[in-house]
Full PDB file with SEQRES, HELIX, SHEET, SSBOND, CRYST1, ORIGX, SCALE, CONECT and MASTER records, all heavy atoms in Angstrom:
SEQRES   1 A   36  GLY ARG SER VAL ILE PHE VAL LEU PRO GLY CYS LEU LEU          
SEQRES   2 A   36  LEU LEU VAL ILE ALA ILE GLU LYS VAL THR GLY LYS PHE          
SEQRES   3 A   36  LYS ASN PRO ALA ILE LEU VAL MET LEU ILE                      
HELIX    1 AA1 ARG A    2  VAL A    7  5                                   6    
HELIX    2 AA2 LEU A    8  VAL A   22  1                                  15    
HELIX    3 AA3 GLY A   24  PHE A   26  5                                   3    
HELIX    4 AA4 LYS A   27  LEU A   35  1                                   9    
CRYST1    1.000    1.000    1.000  90.00  90.00  90.00 P 1           1          
ORIGX1      1.000000  0.000000  0.000000        0.00000                         
ORIGX2      0.000000  1.000000  0.000000        0.00000                         
ORIGX3      0.000000  0.000000  1.000000        0.00000                         
SCALE1      1.000000  0.000000  0.000000        0.00000                         
SCALE2      0.000000  1.000000  0.000000        0.00000                         
SCALE3      0.000000  0.000000  1.000000        0.00000                         
ATOM      1  N   GLY A   1       0.782  -1.233   0.026  1.00  0.00           N  
ATOM      2  CA  GLY A   1      -0.014  -0.056   0.018  1.00  0.00           C  
ATOM      3  C   GLY A   1       0.821   1.297   0.018  1.00  0.00           C  
ATOM      4  O   GLY A   1       0.175   2.379  -0.022  1.00  0.00           O  
ATOM      5  N   ARG A   2       2.121   1.159   0.009  1.00  0.00           N  
ATOM      6  CA  ARG A   2       2.854   2.425   0.097  1.00  0.00           C  
ATOM      7  C   ARG A   2       2.853   3.331  -1.261  1.00  0.00           C  
ATOM      8  O   ARG A   2       3.087   4.419  -1.240  1.00  0.00           O  
ATOM      9  CB  ARG A   2       4.269   2.148   0.408  1.00  0.00           C  
ATOM     10  CG  ARG A   2       5.091   1.361  -0.535  1.00  0.00           C  
ATOM     11  CD  ARG A   2       6.610   1.249  -0.028  1.00  0.00           C  
ATOM     12  NE  ARG A   2       7.462   0.483  -0.898  1.00  0.00           N  
ATOM     13  CZ  ARG A   2       7.754  -0.782  -0.849  1.00  0.00           C  
ATOM     14  NH1 ARG A   2       7.253  -1.466   0.178  1.00  0.00           N  
ATOM     15  NH2 ARG A   2       8.530  -1.428  -1.694  1.00  0.00           N  
ATOM     16  N   SER A   3       2.465   2.620  -2.370  1.00  0.00           N  
ATOM     17  CA  SER A   3       2.283   3.383  -3.532  1.00  0.00           C  
ATOM     18  C   SER A   3       1.148   4.428  -3.530  1.00  0.00           C  
ATOM     19  O   SER A   3       1.078   5.326  -4.307  1.00  0.00           O  
ATOM     20  CB  SER A   3       2.222   2.401  -4.751  1.00  0.00           C  
ATOM     21  OG  SER A   3       1.031   1.740  -4.692  1.00  0.00           O  
ATOM     22  N   VAL A   4       0.195   4.091  -2.643  1.00  0.00           N  
ATOM     23  CA  VAL A   4      -0.951   5.085  -2.499  1.00  0.00           C  
ATOM     24  C   VAL A   4      -1.002   5.606  -1.093  1.00  0.00           C  
ATOM     25  O   VAL A   4      -2.063   5.917  -0.517  1.00  0.00           O  
ATOM     26  CB  VAL A   4      -2.227   4.361  -2.848  1.00  0.00           C  
ATOM     27  CG1 VAL A   4      -2.368   4.123  -4.405  1.00  0.00           C  
ATOM     28  CG2 VAL A   4      -2.422   3.049  -2.108  1.00  0.00           C  
ATOM     29  N   ILE A   5       0.114   5.787  -0.493  1.00  0.00           N  
ATOM     30  CA  ILE A   5       0.194   6.288   0.979  1.00  0.00           C  
ATOM     31  C   ILE A   5      -0.535   7.706   1.074  1.00  0.00           C  
ATOM     32  O   ILE A   5      -0.882   8.032   2.135  1.00  0.00           O  
ATOM     33  CB  ILE A   5       1.577   6.267   1.511  1.00  0.00           C  
ATOM     34  CG1 ILE A   5       1.591   6.470   3.044  1.00  0.00           C  
ATOM     35  CG2 ILE A   5       2.525   7.318   0.706  1.00  0.00           C  
ATOM     36  CD1 ILE A   5       3.035   6.351   3.689  1.00  0.00           C  
ATOM     37  N   PHE A   6      -0.513   8.429   0.043  1.00  0.00           N  
ATOM     38  CA  PHE A   6      -1.042   9.787   0.033  1.00  0.00           C  
ATOM     39  C   PHE A   6      -2.507   9.757   0.336  1.00  0.00           C  
ATOM     40  O   PHE A   6      -3.155  10.844   0.549  1.00  0.00           O  
ATOM     41  CB  PHE A   6      -0.764  10.506  -1.311  1.00  0.00           C  
ATOM     42  CG  PHE A   6      -1.079   9.732  -2.555  1.00  0.00           C  
ATOM     43  CD1 PHE A   6      -2.373   9.660  -3.020  1.00  0.00           C  
ATOM     44  CD2 PHE A   6      -0.124   9.032  -3.195  1.00  0.00           C  
ATOM     45  CE1 PHE A   6      -2.762   8.962  -4.116  1.00  0.00           C  
ATOM     46  CE2 PHE A   6      -0.434   8.293  -4.349  1.00  0.00           C  
ATOM     47  CZ  PHE A   6      -1.784   8.261  -4.819  1.00  0.00           C  
ATOM     48  N   VAL A   7      -3.238   8.643   0.341  1.00  0.00           N  
ATOM     49  CA  VAL A   7      -4.698   8.562   0.666  1.00  0.00           C  
ATOM     50  C   VAL A   7      -4.791   8.461   2.262  1.00  0.00           C  
ATOM     51  O   VAL A   7      -5.956   8.680   2.736  1.00  0.00           O  
ATOM     52  CB  VAL A   7      -5.381   7.430   0.051  1.00  0.00           C  
ATOM     53  CG1 VAL A   7      -5.218   7.416  -1.548  1.00  0.00           C  
ATOM     54  CG2 VAL A   7      -5.133   6.101   0.609  1.00  0.00           C  
ATOM     55  N   LEU A   8      -3.760   8.145   2.904  1.00  0.00           N  
ATOM     56  CA  LEU A   8      -3.841   7.924   4.418  1.00  0.00           C  
ATOM     57  C   LEU A   8      -4.381   9.166   5.104  1.00  0.00           C  
ATOM     58  O   LEU A   8      -5.314   8.974   5.999  1.00  0.00           O  
ATOM     59  CB  LEU A   8      -2.487   7.456   4.897  1.00  0.00           C  
ATOM     60  CG  LEU A   8      -2.288   7.502   6.391  1.00  0.00           C  
ATOM     61  CD1 LEU A   8      -3.252   6.535   7.095  1.00  0.00           C  
ATOM     62  CD2 LEU A   8      -0.862   7.117   6.805  1.00  0.00           C  
ATOM     63  N   PRO A   9      -3.828  10.371   5.010  1.00  0.00           N  
ATOM     64  CA  PRO A   9      -4.283  11.430   5.714  1.00  0.00           C  
ATOM     65  C   PRO A   9      -5.768  11.715   5.513  1.00  0.00           C  
ATOM     66  O   PRO A   9      -6.553  12.007   6.539  1.00  0.00           O  
ATOM     67  CB  PRO A   9      -3.378  12.703   5.267  1.00  0.00           C  
ATOM     68  CG  PRO A   9      -2.245  11.970   4.659  1.00  0.00           C  
ATOM     69  CD  PRO A   9      -2.725  10.726   4.111  1.00  0.00           C  
ATOM     70  N   GLY A  10      -6.259  11.699   4.294  1.00  0.00           N  
ATOM     71  CA  GLY A  10      -7.780  11.967   4.010  1.00  0.00           C  
ATOM     72  C   GLY A  10      -8.574  10.900   4.680  1.00  0.00           C  
ATOM     73  O   GLY A  10      -9.627  11.302   5.201  1.00  0.00           O  
ATOM     74  N   CYS A  11      -8.136   9.622   4.557  1.00  0.00           N  
ATOM     75  CA  CYS A  11      -9.095   8.620   5.253  1.00  0.00           C  
ATOM     76  C   CYS A  11      -9.115   8.775   6.738  1.00  0.00           C  
ATOM     77  O   CYS A  11     -10.097   8.661   7.358  1.00  0.00           O  
ATOM     78  CB  CYS A  11      -8.503   7.184   4.807  1.00  0.00           C  
ATOM     79  SG  CYS A  11      -8.630   6.802   3.079  1.00  0.00           S  
ATOM     80  N   LEU A  12      -7.931   9.153   7.241  1.00  0.00           N  
ATOM     81  CA  LEU A  12      -7.854   9.417   8.693  1.00  0.00           C  
ATOM     82  C   LEU A  12      -8.643  10.683   9.062  1.00  0.00           C  
ATOM     83  O   LEU A  12      -9.348  10.678  10.122  1.00  0.00           O  
ATOM     84  CB  LEU A  12      -6.418   9.526   9.186  1.00  0.00           C  
ATOM     85  CG  LEU A  12      -5.989   9.298  10.654  1.00  0.00           C  
ATOM     86  CD1 LEU A  12      -6.520   7.928  11.126  1.00  0.00           C  
ATOM     87  CD2 LEU A  12      -4.526   9.510  10.786  1.00  0.00           C  
ATOM     88  N   LEU A  13      -8.651  11.602   8.262  1.00  0.00           N  
ATOM     89  CA  LEU A  13      -9.442  12.919   8.476  1.00  0.00           C  
ATOM     90  C   LEU A  13     -10.947  12.587   8.412  1.00  0.00           C  
ATOM     91  O   LEU A  13     -11.634  13.180   9.315  1.00  0.00           O  
ATOM     92  CB  LEU A  13      -9.013  13.949   7.435  1.00  0.00           C  
ATOM     93  CG  LEU A  13      -9.878  15.278   7.490  1.00  0.00           C  
ATOM     94  CD1 LEU A  13      -9.488  15.921   8.838  1.00  0.00           C  
ATOM     95  CD2 LEU A  13      -9.538  16.153   6.379  1.00  0.00           C  
ATOM     96  N   LEU A  14     -11.314  11.743   7.539  1.00  0.00           N  
ATOM     97  CA  LEU A  14     -12.803  11.277   7.490  1.00  0.00           C  
ATOM     98  C   LEU A  14     -13.251  10.703   8.831  1.00  0.00           C  
ATOM     99  O   LEU A  14     -14.296  10.986   9.361  1.00  0.00           O  
ATOM    100  CB  LEU A  14     -12.997  10.422   6.329  1.00  0.00           C  
ATOM    101  CG  LEU A  14     -14.437   9.845   6.109  1.00  0.00           C  
ATOM    102  CD1 LEU A  14     -15.336  11.116   5.873  1.00  0.00           C  
ATOM    103  CD2 LEU A  14     -14.510   8.793   4.954  1.00  0.00           C  
ATOM    104  N   LEU A  15     -12.363   9.906   9.439  1.00  0.00           N  
ATOM    105  CA  LEU A  15     -12.656   9.242  10.676  1.00  0.00           C  
ATOM    106  C   LEU A  15     -12.631  10.356  11.845  1.00  0.00           C  
ATOM    107  O   LEU A  15     -13.503  10.348  12.658  1.00  0.00           O  
ATOM    108  CB  LEU A  15     -11.576   8.247  10.982  1.00  0.00           C  
ATOM    109  CG  LEU A  15     -11.681   7.366  12.291  1.00  0.00           C  
ATOM    110  CD1 LEU A  15     -12.931   6.624  12.254  1.00  0.00           C  
ATOM    111  CD2 LEU A  15     -10.492   6.470  12.478  1.00  0.00           C  
ATOM    112  N   VAL A  16     -11.708  11.245  11.746  1.00  0.00           N  
ATOM    113  CA  VAL A  16     -11.757  12.349  12.813  1.00  0.00           C  
ATOM    114  C   VAL A  16     -12.926  13.196  12.678  1.00  0.00           C  
ATOM    115  O   VAL A  16     -13.523  13.611  13.695  1.00  0.00           O  
ATOM    116  CB  VAL A  16     -10.441  13.251  12.519  1.00  0.00           C  
ATOM    117  CG1 VAL A  16     -10.539  14.448  13.433  1.00  0.00           C  
ATOM    118  CG2 VAL A  16      -9.222  12.366  12.871  1.00  0.00           C  
ATOM    119  N   ILE A  17     -13.374  13.512  11.519  1.00  0.00           N  
ATOM    120  CA  ILE A  17     -14.557  14.299  11.237  1.00  0.00           C  
ATOM    121  C   ILE A  17     -15.870  13.586  11.872  1.00  0.00           C  
ATOM    122  O   ILE A  17     -16.567  14.250  12.616  1.00  0.00           O  
ATOM    123  CB  ILE A  17     -14.812  14.584   9.732  1.00  0.00           C  
ATOM    124  CG1 ILE A  17     -13.694  15.497   9.208  1.00  0.00           C  
ATOM    125  CG2 ILE A  17     -16.210  15.163   9.610  1.00  0.00           C  
ATOM    126  CD1 ILE A  17     -13.754  15.766   7.653  1.00  0.00           C  
ATOM    127  N   ALA A  18     -15.894  12.228  11.649  1.00  0.00           N  
ATOM    128  CA  ALA A  18     -17.004  11.563  12.204  1.00  0.00           C  
ATOM    129  C   ALA A  18     -16.936  11.601  13.738  1.00  0.00           C  
ATOM    130  O   ALA A  18     -17.988  11.685  14.418  1.00  0.00           O  
ATOM    131  CB  ALA A  18     -17.067  10.175  11.735  1.00  0.00           C  
ATOM    132  N   ILE A  19     -15.709  11.347  14.358  1.00  0.00           N  
ATOM    133  CA  ILE A  19     -15.642  11.330  15.819  1.00  0.00           C  
ATOM    134  C   ILE A  19     -16.075  12.776  16.375  1.00  0.00           C  
ATOM    135  O   ILE A  19     -16.771  12.837  17.403  1.00  0.00           O  
ATOM    136  CB  ILE A  19     -14.280  11.062  16.220  1.00  0.00           C  
ATOM    137  CG1 ILE A  19     -13.776   9.566  15.926  1.00  0.00           C  
ATOM    138  CG2 ILE A  19     -13.947  11.356  17.700  1.00  0.00           C  
ATOM    139  CD1 ILE A  19     -12.369   9.191  16.177  1.00  0.00           C  
ATOM    140  N   GLU A  20     -15.555  13.859  15.746  1.00  0.00           N  
ATOM    141  CA  GLU A  20     -16.011  15.131  16.134  1.00  0.00           C  
ATOM    142  C   GLU A  20     -17.430  15.455  15.966  1.00  0.00           C  
ATOM    143  O   GLU A  20     -18.004  16.230  16.826  1.00  0.00           O  
ATOM    144  CB  GLU A  20     -15.187  16.154  15.445  1.00  0.00           C  
ATOM    145  CG  GLU A  20     -13.699  16.143  15.950  1.00  0.00           C  
ATOM    146  CD  GLU A  20     -13.572  16.794  17.360  1.00  0.00           C  
ATOM    147  OE1 GLU A  20     -14.189  17.851  17.669  1.00  0.00           O  
ATOM    148  OE2 GLU A  20     -12.861  16.105  18.120  1.00  0.00           O  
ATOM    149  N   LYS A  21     -18.115  15.002  14.853  1.00  0.00           N  
ATOM    150  CA  LYS A  21     -19.421  15.520  14.557  1.00  0.00           C  
ATOM    151  C   LYS A  21     -20.621  14.476  14.921  1.00  0.00           C  
ATOM    152  O   LYS A  21     -21.768  15.021  14.969  1.00  0.00           O  
ATOM    153  CB  LYS A  21     -19.382  15.845  13.043  1.00  0.00           C  
ATOM    154  CG  LYS A  21     -18.485  17.049  12.742  1.00  0.00           C  
ATOM    155  CD  LYS A  21     -19.002  18.304  13.481  1.00  0.00           C  
ATOM    156  CE  LYS A  21     -17.962  19.512  13.138  1.00  0.00           C  
ATOM    157  NZ  LYS A  21     -18.439  20.770  13.724  1.00  0.00           N  
ATOM    158  N   VAL A  22     -20.361  13.299  14.943  1.00  0.00           N  
ATOM    159  CA  VAL A  22     -21.443  12.423  15.116  1.00  0.00           C  
ATOM    160  C   VAL A  22     -21.525  11.445  16.255  1.00  0.00           C  
ATOM    161  O   VAL A  22     -22.437  10.716  16.523  1.00  0.00           O  
ATOM    162  CB  VAL A  22     -21.697  11.532  13.679  1.00  0.00           C  
ATOM    163  CG1 VAL A  22     -21.769  12.461  12.496  1.00  0.00           C  
ATOM    164  CG2 VAL A  22     -20.506  10.530  13.623  1.00  0.00           C  
ATOM    165  N   THR A  23     -20.397  11.352  17.087  1.00  0.00           N  
ATOM    166  CA  THR A  23     -20.310  10.346  18.079  1.00  0.00           C  
ATOM    167  C   THR A  23     -21.121  10.850  19.325  1.00  0.00           C  
ATOM    168  O   THR A  23     -21.468  10.066  20.307  1.00  0.00           O  
ATOM    169  CB  THR A  23     -18.892  10.045  18.453  1.00  0.00           C  
ATOM    170  OG1 THR A  23     -18.152  11.274  18.670  1.00  0.00           O  
ATOM    171  CG2 THR A  23     -18.204   9.198  17.313  1.00  0.00           C  
ATOM    172  N   GLY A  24     -21.294  12.131  19.442  1.00  0.00           N  
ATOM    173  CA  GLY A  24     -22.034  12.635  20.586  1.00  0.00           C  
ATOM    174  C   GLY A  24     -21.498  12.364  21.925  1.00  0.00           C  
ATOM    175  O   GLY A  24     -20.374  12.682  22.203  1.00  0.00           O  
ATOM    176  N   LYS A  25     -22.256  11.687  22.730  1.00  0.00           N  
ATOM    177  CA  LYS A  25     -21.727  11.395  24.106  1.00  0.00           C  
ATOM    178  C   LYS A  25     -20.641  10.271  24.116  1.00  0.00           C  
ATOM    179  O   LYS A  25     -19.944  10.002  25.120  1.00  0.00           O  
ATOM    180  CB  LYS A  25     -22.795  10.971  25.084  1.00  0.00           C  
ATOM    181  CG  LYS A  25     -23.575   9.614  24.619  1.00  0.00           C  
ATOM    182  CD  LYS A  25     -24.678   9.260  25.564  1.00  0.00           C  
ATOM    183  CE  LYS A  25     -25.420   7.939  25.100  1.00  0.00           C  
ATOM    184  NZ  LYS A  25     -26.530   7.525  26.030  1.00  0.00           N  
ATOM    185  N   PHE A  26     -20.493   9.696  22.995  1.00  0.00           N  
ATOM    186  CA  PHE A  26     -19.497   8.584  22.873  1.00  0.00           C  
ATOM    187  C   PHE A  26     -18.267   9.171  22.225  1.00  0.00           C  
ATOM    188  O   PHE A  26     -17.212   8.512  22.011  1.00  0.00           O  
ATOM    189  CB  PHE A  26     -19.943   7.497  21.915  1.00  0.00           C  
ATOM    190  CG  PHE A  26     -21.134   6.700  22.501  1.00  0.00           C  
ATOM    191  CD1 PHE A  26     -22.403   6.936  21.855  1.00  0.00           C  
ATOM    192  CD2 PHE A  26     -21.053   5.881  23.580  1.00  0.00           C  
ATOM    193  CE1 PHE A  26     -23.474   6.276  22.401  1.00  0.00           C  
ATOM    194  CE2 PHE A  26     -22.054   5.256  24.081  1.00  0.00           C  
ATOM    195  CZ  PHE A  26     -23.290   5.349  23.500  1.00  0.00           C  
ATOM    196  N   LYS A  27     -18.070  10.467  22.116  1.00  0.00           N  
ATOM    197  CA  LYS A  27     -16.863  11.144  21.535  1.00  0.00           C  
ATOM    198  C   LYS A  27     -15.675  10.875  22.284  1.00  0.00           C  
ATOM    199  O   LYS A  27     -14.666  10.347  21.738  1.00  0.00           O  
ATOM    200  CB  LYS A  27     -17.163  12.591  21.458  1.00  0.00           C  
ATOM    201  CG  LYS A  27     -15.982  13.466  20.933  1.00  0.00           C  
ATOM    202  CD  LYS A  27     -16.292  14.877  20.773  1.00  0.00           C  
ATOM    203  CE  LYS A  27     -15.072  15.708  20.508  1.00  0.00           C  
ATOM    204  NZ  LYS A  27     -15.396  17.146  20.379  1.00  0.00           N  
ATOM    205  N   ASN A  28     -15.688  11.058  23.625  1.00  0.00           N  
ATOM    206  CA  ASN A  28     -14.456  10.831  24.399  1.00  0.00           C  
ATOM    207  C   ASN A  28     -14.088   9.356  24.380  1.00  0.00           C  
ATOM    208  O   ASN A  28     -12.808   9.136  24.336  1.00  0.00           O  
ATOM    209  CB  ASN A  28     -14.741  11.359  25.836  1.00  0.00           C  
ATOM    210  CG  ASN A  28     -14.844  12.854  25.987  1.00  0.00           C  
ATOM    211  OD1 ASN A  28     -14.414  13.638  24.993  1.00  0.00           O  
ATOM    212  ND2 ASN A  28     -15.240  13.482  26.982  1.00  0.00           N  
ATOM    213  N   PRO A  29     -14.971   8.437  24.677  1.00  0.00           N  
ATOM    214  CA  PRO A  29     -14.544   7.056  24.582  1.00  0.00           C  
ATOM    215  C   PRO A  29     -13.938   6.621  23.152  1.00  0.00           C  
ATOM    216  O   PRO A  29     -12.980   5.948  23.121  1.00  0.00           O  
ATOM    217  CB  PRO A  29     -15.846   6.202  24.799  1.00  0.00           C  
ATOM    218  CG  PRO A  29     -16.680   7.180  25.656  1.00  0.00           C  
ATOM    219  CD  PRO A  29     -16.233   8.627  25.126  1.00  0.00           C  
ATOM    220  N   ALA A  30     -14.530   7.237  22.169  1.00  0.00           N  
ATOM    221  CA  ALA A  30     -14.062   6.887  20.769  1.00  0.00           C  
ATOM    222  C   ALA A  30     -12.629   7.450  20.581  1.00  0.00           C  
ATOM    223  O   ALA A  30     -11.737   6.725  20.014  1.00  0.00           O  
ATOM    224  CB  ALA A  30     -15.022   7.621  19.716  1.00  0.00           C  
ATOM    225  N   ILE A  31     -12.373   8.636  21.130  1.00  0.00           N  
ATOM    226  CA  ILE A  31     -11.008   9.231  21.031  1.00  0.00           C  
ATOM    227  C   ILE A  31      -9.980   8.379  21.792  1.00  0.00           C  
ATOM    228  O   ILE A  31      -9.000   8.091  21.313  1.00  0.00           O  
ATOM    229  CB  ILE A  31     -10.962  10.652  21.611  1.00  0.00           C  
ATOM    230  CG1 ILE A  31     -11.814  11.632  20.697  1.00  0.00           C  
ATOM    231  CG2 ILE A  31      -9.594  11.181  21.815  1.00  0.00           C  
ATOM    232  CD1 ILE A  31     -11.905  13.088  21.184  1.00  0.00           C  
ATOM    233  N   LEU A  32     -10.351   7.997  22.985  1.00  0.00           N  
ATOM    234  CA  LEU A  32      -9.486   7.200  23.733  1.00  0.00           C  
ATOM    235  C   LEU A  32      -9.242   5.871  23.221  1.00  0.00           C  
ATOM    236  O   LEU A  32      -8.070   5.290  23.259  1.00  0.00           O  
ATOM    237  CB  LEU A  32     -10.102   6.973  25.312  1.00  0.00           C  
ATOM    238  CG  LEU A  32     -10.099   8.320  26.033  1.00  0.00           C  
ATOM    239  CD1 LEU A  32     -10.799   8.102  27.419  1.00  0.00           C  
ATOM    240  CD2 LEU A  32      -8.681   8.924  26.211  1.00  0.00           C  
ATOM    241  N   VAL A  33     -10.328   5.219  22.716  1.00  0.00           N  
ATOM    242  CA  VAL A  33     -10.178   3.918  21.971  1.00  0.00           C  
ATOM    243  C   VAL A  33      -9.166   3.946  20.883  1.00  0.00           C  
ATOM    244  O   VAL A  33      -8.252   3.101  20.662  1.00  0.00           O  
ATOM    245  CB  VAL A  33     -11.496   3.312  21.630  1.00  0.00           C  
ATOM    246  CG1 VAL A  33     -11.325   2.105  20.654  1.00  0.00           C  
ATOM    247  CG2 VAL A  33     -12.314   2.855  22.755  1.00  0.00           C  
ATOM    248  N   MET A  34      -9.389   5.022  20.014  1.00  0.00           N  
ATOM    249  CA  MET A  34      -8.397   5.158  18.830  1.00  0.00           C  
ATOM    250  C   MET A  34      -7.031   5.386  19.308  1.00  0.00           C  
ATOM    251  O   MET A  34      -6.051   4.780  18.748  1.00  0.00           O  
ATOM    252  CB  MET A  34      -8.952   6.282  17.971  1.00  0.00           C  
ATOM    253  CG  MET A  34     -10.158   5.955  17.168  1.00  0.00           C  
ATOM    254  SD  MET A  34      -9.911   4.539  16.027  1.00  0.00           S  
ATOM    255  CE  MET A  34      -8.582   5.069  15.070  1.00  0.00           C  
ATOM    256  N   LEU A  35      -6.802   6.178  20.267  1.00  0.00           N  
ATOM    257  CA  LEU A  35      -5.386   6.501  20.696  1.00  0.00           C  
ATOM    258  C   LEU A  35      -4.764   5.289  21.346  1.00  0.00           C  
ATOM    259  O   LEU A  35      -3.638   4.872  20.981  1.00  0.00           O  
ATOM    260  CB  LEU A  35      -5.446   7.553  21.769  1.00  0.00           C  
ATOM    261  CG  LEU A  35      -5.822   9.091  21.249  1.00  0.00           C  
ATOM    262  CD1 LEU A  35      -5.901  10.088  22.464  1.00  0.00           C  
ATOM    263  CD2 LEU A  35      -4.874   9.571  20.189  1.00  0.00           C  
ATOM    264  N   ILE A  36      -5.488   4.564  22.131  1.00  0.00           N  
ATOM    265  CA  ILE A  36      -4.880   3.306  22.781  1.00  0.00           C  
ATOM    266  C   ILE A  36      -4.649   2.266  21.771  1.00  0.00           C  
ATOM    267  O   ILE A  36      -3.624   1.580  21.683  1.00  0.00           O  
ATOM    268  CB  ILE A  36      -5.945   2.826  23.895  1.00  0.00           C  
ATOM    269  CG1 ILE A  36      -6.056   3.784  25.061  1.00  0.00           C  
ATOM    270  CG2 ILE A  36      -5.499   1.473  24.379  1.00  0.00           C  
ATOM    271  CD1 ILE A  36      -7.065   3.534  26.089  1.00  0.00           C  
TER     272      ILE A  36                                                      
MASTER        0    0    0    4    0    0    0    6  271    1    0    3          
END                                                                             
């Protein structure tokens, strides 16, 4: 997958946008789960 590594930031950003905008009360657990 390194030949298309340039898609990584955008895919990760999509996940971040969802955590910030749609997880609601589960936002903090979602952040901690991803970090861990």
